[in-house]
Amino acid sequence: MELMLVTLIMGLLMGLFIILPRLLKSDDTQKVQSSTTNKGPKVYTKAEVSLHNKRTDCWIIIKEKVYDVTSYIEEHPGGDAILAHAGDDSTDGFYGPQHATRVFDMIDDFYVGDLDQ
């Protein structure tokens, strides 16, 4: 009888050690998911964007969206032309005839937020 009782208790304890971590992990996952889903895109004012106007910290605005293109400056086929609108609106330059259509796919990689209206 004692052996059955000890076996039952051990079984319950082992079950708790297996099930409890899974339950706790799923709660944490739900908390992380709910906190990240409630966040929309970051919104920046034009004044905030204008502070990022250097080769080492270059943000541009294209159609009311903000992009951090700092890491792309050295690769830019147009050289330093990208810096002409650092910290400012670059929509006209971006949609100019000098750009191949692939830039429209690439730009999303640099997206950091939206411009405050």
C-alpha atoms as a PDB file:
ATOM      1  CA  MET A   1       0.000   0.000   0.000  1.00  0.00           C
ATOM      2  CA  GLU A   2       2.783   2.382   0.904  1.00  0.00           C
ATOM      3  CA  LEU A   3       4.570   1.572  -2.343  1.00  0.00           C
ATOM      4  CA  MET A   4       1.445   2.465  -4.355  1.00  0.00           C
ATOM      5  CA  LEU A   5       1.081   5.756  -2.475  1.00  0.00           C
ATOM      6  CA  VAL A   6       4.731   6.698  -3.058  1.00  0.00           C
ATOM      7  CA  THR A   7       4.426   5.739  -6.734  1.00  0.00           C
ATOM      8  CA  LEU A   8       1.278   7.855  -7.111  1.00  0.00           C
ATOM      9  CA  ILE A   9       2.893  10.884  -5.461  1.00  0.00           C
ATOM     10  CA  MET A  10       6.037  10.514  -7.601  1.00  0.00           C
ATOM     11  CA  GLY A  11       3.887  10.288 -10.719  1.00  0.00           C
ATOM     12  CA  LEU A  12       2.012  13.460  -9.785  1.00  0.00           C
ATOM     13  CA  LEU A  13       5.239  15.344  -9.060  1.00  0.00           C
ATOM     14  CA  MET A  14       6.819  14.268 -12.347  1.00  0.00           C
ATOM     15  CA  GLY A  15       3.667  15.290 -14.183  1.00  0.00           C
ATOM     16  CA  LEU A  16       3.871  18.743 -12.593  1.00  0.00           C
ATOM     17  CA  PHE A  17       7.511  19.103 -13.610  1.00  0.00           C
ATOM     18  CA  ILE A  18       6.581  18.320 -17.201  1.00  0.00           C
ATOM     19  CA  ILE A  19       3.308  20.235 -17.488  1.00  0.00           C
ATOM     20  CA  LEU A  20       4.025  23.310 -15.341  1.00  0.00           C
ATOM     21  CA  PRO A  21       6.965  24.651 -17.419  1.00  0.00           C
ATOM     22  CA  ARG A  22       4.894  24.304 -20.586  1.00  0.00           C
ATOM     23  CA  LEU A  23       2.023  26.222 -19.022  1.00  0.00           C
ATOM     24  CA  LEU A  24       4.337  28.984 -17.807  1.00  0.00           C
ATOM     25  CA  LYS A  25       6.070  29.203 -21.168  1.00  0.00           C
ATOM     26  CA  SER A  26       2.794  29.572 -23.061  1.00  0.00           C
ATOM     27  CA  ASP A  27       1.713  32.388 -20.693  1.00  0.00           C
ATOM     28  CA  ASP A  28       4.997  34.227 -21.322  1.00  0.00           C
ATOM     29  CA  THR A  29       4.590  33.794 -25.074  1.00  0.00           C
ATOM     30  CA  GLN A  30       1.091  35.218 -24.957  1.00  0.00           C
ATOM     31  CA  LYS A  31       2.314  38.225 -22.926  1.00  0.00           C
ATOM     32  CA  VAL A  32       5.101  38.920 -25.421  1.00  0.00           C
ATOM     33  CA  GLN A  33       2.763  38.537 -28.378  1.00  0.00           C
ATOM     34  CA  SER A  34       0.114  40.813 -26.899  1.00  0.00           C
ATOM     35  CA  SER A  35       2.627  43.511 -25.986  1.00  0.00           C
ATOM     36  CA  THR A  36       4.167  43.516 -29.447  1.00  0.00           C
ATOM     37  CA  THR A  37       0.879  43.352 -31.308  1.00  0.00           C
ATOM     38  CA  ASN A  38      -0.473  46.420 -29.576  1.00  0.00           C
ATOM     39  CA  LYS A  39       2.408  48.520 -30.830  1.00  0.00           C
ATOM     40  CA  GLY A  40       1.972  50.273 -34.135  1.00  0.00           C
ATOM     41  CA  PRO A  41       4.777  51.755 -36.175  1.00  0.00           C
ATOM     42  CA  LYS A  42       6.945  54.332 -34.426  1.00  0.00           C
ATOM     43  CA  VAL A  43       6.015  57.897 -35.389  1.00  0.00           C
ATOM     44  CA  TYR A  44       8.664  60.600 -35.814  1.00  0.00           C
ATOM     45  CA  THR A  45       8.321  64.332 -36.244  1.00  0.00           C
ATOM     46  CA  LYS A  46      10.158  66.102 -39.030  1.00  0.00           C
ATOM     47  CA  ALA A  47      12.308  67.756 -36.350  1.00  0.00           C
ATOM     48  CA  GLU A  48      13.338  64.337 -34.985  1.00  0.00           C
ATOM     49  CA  VAL A  49      14.233  63.071 -38.443  1.00  0.00           C
ATOM     50  CA  SER A  50      16.252  66.231 -39.175  1.00  0.00           C
ATOM     51  CA  LEU A  51      18.675  65.316 -36.360  1.00  0.00           C
ATOM     52  CA  HIS A  52      19.803  62.265 -38.367  1.00  0.00           C
ATOM     53  CA  ASN A  53      21.605  64.203 -41.095  1.00  0.00           C
ATOM     54  CA  LYS A  54      25.148  62.812 -41.174  1.00  0.00           C
ATOM     55  CA  ARG A  55      27.013  60.074 -42.992  1.00  0.00           C
ATOM     56  CA  THR A  56      27.205  58.154 -39.711  1.00  0.00           C
ATOM     57  CA  ASP A  57      23.524  58.684 -38.899  1.00  0.00           C
ATOM     58  CA  CYS A  58      21.384  59.195 -41.988  1.00  0.00           C
ATOM     59  CA  TRP A  59      17.597  59.038 -42.065  1.00  0.00           C
ATOM     60  CA  ILE A  60      15.418  60.039 -44.993  1.00  0.00           C
ATOM     61  CA  ILE A  61      11.707  60.523 -45.565  1.00  0.00           C
ATOM     62  CA  ILE A  62       9.992  58.919 -48.556  1.00  0.00           C
ATOM     63  CA  LYS A  63       6.253  59.355 -48.958  1.00  0.00           C
ATOM     64  CA  GLU A  64       5.633  60.066 -45.249  1.00  0.00           C
ATOM     65  CA  LYS A  65       7.692  57.049 -44.116  1.00  0.00           C
ATOM     66  CA  VAL A  66      11.014  57.255 -42.304  1.00  0.00           C
ATOM     67  CA  TYR A  67      14.036  55.150 -43.281  1.00  0.00           C
ATOM     68  CA  ASP A  68      17.445  54.746 -41.623  1.00  0.00           C
ATOM     69  CA  VAL A  69      19.788  54.361 -44.601  1.00  0.00           C
ATOM     70  CA  THR A  70      23.035  54.807 -42.657  1.00  0.00           C
ATOM     71  CA  SER A  71      24.212  51.267 -43.404  1.00  0.00           C
ATOM     72  CA  TYR A  72      23.522  51.735 -47.133  1.00  0.00           C
ATOM     73  CA  ILE A  73      25.449  54.979 -47.725  1.00  0.00           C
ATOM     74  CA  GLU A  74      28.744  53.302 -48.662  1.00  0.00           C
ATOM     75  CA  GLU A  75      26.956  50.933 -51.071  1.00  0.00           C
ATOM     76  CA  HIS A  76      24.834  53.622 -52.722  1.00  0.00           C
ATOM     77  CA  PRO A  77      25.630  53.553 -56.457  1.00  0.00           C
ATOM     78  CA  GLY A  78      25.047  57.308 -56.646  1.00  0.00           C
ATOM     79  CA  GLY A  79      27.791  57.943 -54.110  1.00  0.00           C
ATOM     80  CA  ASP A  80      27.125  60.767 -51.681  1.00  0.00           C
ATOM     81  CA  ALA A  81      24.001  61.913 -53.531  1.00  0.00           C
ATOM     82  CA  ILE A  82      21.959  60.145 -50.873  1.00  0.00           C
ATOM     83  CA  LEU A  83      23.362  62.593 -48.313  1.00  0.00           C
ATOM     84  CA  ALA A  84      21.853  65.588 -50.133  1.00  0.00           C
ATOM     85  CA  HIS A  85      18.572  64.906 -48.339  1.00  0.00           C
ATOM     86  CA  ALA A  86      19.902  63.384 -45.123  1.00  0.00           C
ATOM     87  CA  GLY A  87      17.441  64.155 -42.346  1.00  0.00           C
ATOM     88  CA  ASP A  88      14.916  65.482 -44.846  1.00  0.00           C
ATOM     89  CA  ASP A  89      12.362  64.481 -47.484  1.00  0.00           C
ATOM     90  CA  SER A  90      13.941  62.465 -50.284  1.00  0.00           C
ATOM     91  CA  THR A  91      10.756  61.441 -52.112  1.00  0.00           C
ATOM     92  CA  ASP A  92      11.550  63.265 -55.370  1.00  0.00           C
ATOM     93  CA  GLY A  93      15.101  61.947 -55.504  1.00  0.00           C
ATOM     94  CA  PHE A  94      14.008  58.422 -54.679  1.00  0.00           C
ATOM     95  CA  TYR A  95      11.461  58.322 -57.486  1.00  0.00           C
ATOM     96  CA  GLY A  96      13.859  59.924 -59.977  1.00  0.00           C
ATOM     97  CA  PRO A  97      14.794  58.272 -63.279  1.00  0.00           C
ATOM     98  CA  GLN A  98      18.223  57.236 -61.974  1.00  0.00           C
ATOM     99  CA  HIS A  99      16.793  54.487 -59.794  1.00  0.00           C
ATOM    100  CA  ALA A 100      16.131  50.977 -61.005  1.00  0.00           C
ATOM    101  CA  THR A 101      12.920  49.318 -59.884  1.00  0.00           C
ATOM    102  CA  ARG A 102      14.786  47.116 -57.387  1.00  0.00           C
ATOM    103  CA  VAL A 103      15.169  50.091 -55.013  1.00  0.00           C
ATOM    104  CA  PHE A 104      11.435  49.898 -54.375  1.00  0.00           C
ATOM    105  CA  ASP A 105      11.934  46.397 -52.963  1.00  0.00           C
ATOM    106  CA  MET A 106      15.101  47.277 -51.034  1.00  0.00           C
ATOM    107  CA  ILE A 107      13.816  50.331 -49.194  1.00  0.00           C
ATOM    108  CA  ASP A 108      11.535  48.349 -46.880  1.00  0.00           C
ATOM    109  CA  ASP A 109      14.616  46.862 -45.195  1.00  0.00           C
ATOM    110  CA  PHE A 110      15.482  50.337 -43.870  1.00  0.00           C
ATOM    111  CA  TYR A 111      12.031  51.316 -42.583  1.00  0.00           C
ATOM    112  CA  VAL A 112      11.994  52.655 -38.993  1.00  0.00           C
ATOM    113  CA  GLY A 113       8.592  54.371 -38.742  1.00  0.00           C
ATOM    114  CA  ASP A 114       6.116  56.889 -40.063  1.00  0.00           C
ATOM    115  CA  LEU A 115       6.286  60.657 -40.296  1.00  0.00           C
ATOM    116  CA  ASP A 116       3.979  62.484 -37.904  1.00  0.00           C
ATOM    117  CA  GLN A 117       1.277  64.273 -39.866  1.00  0.00           C
END
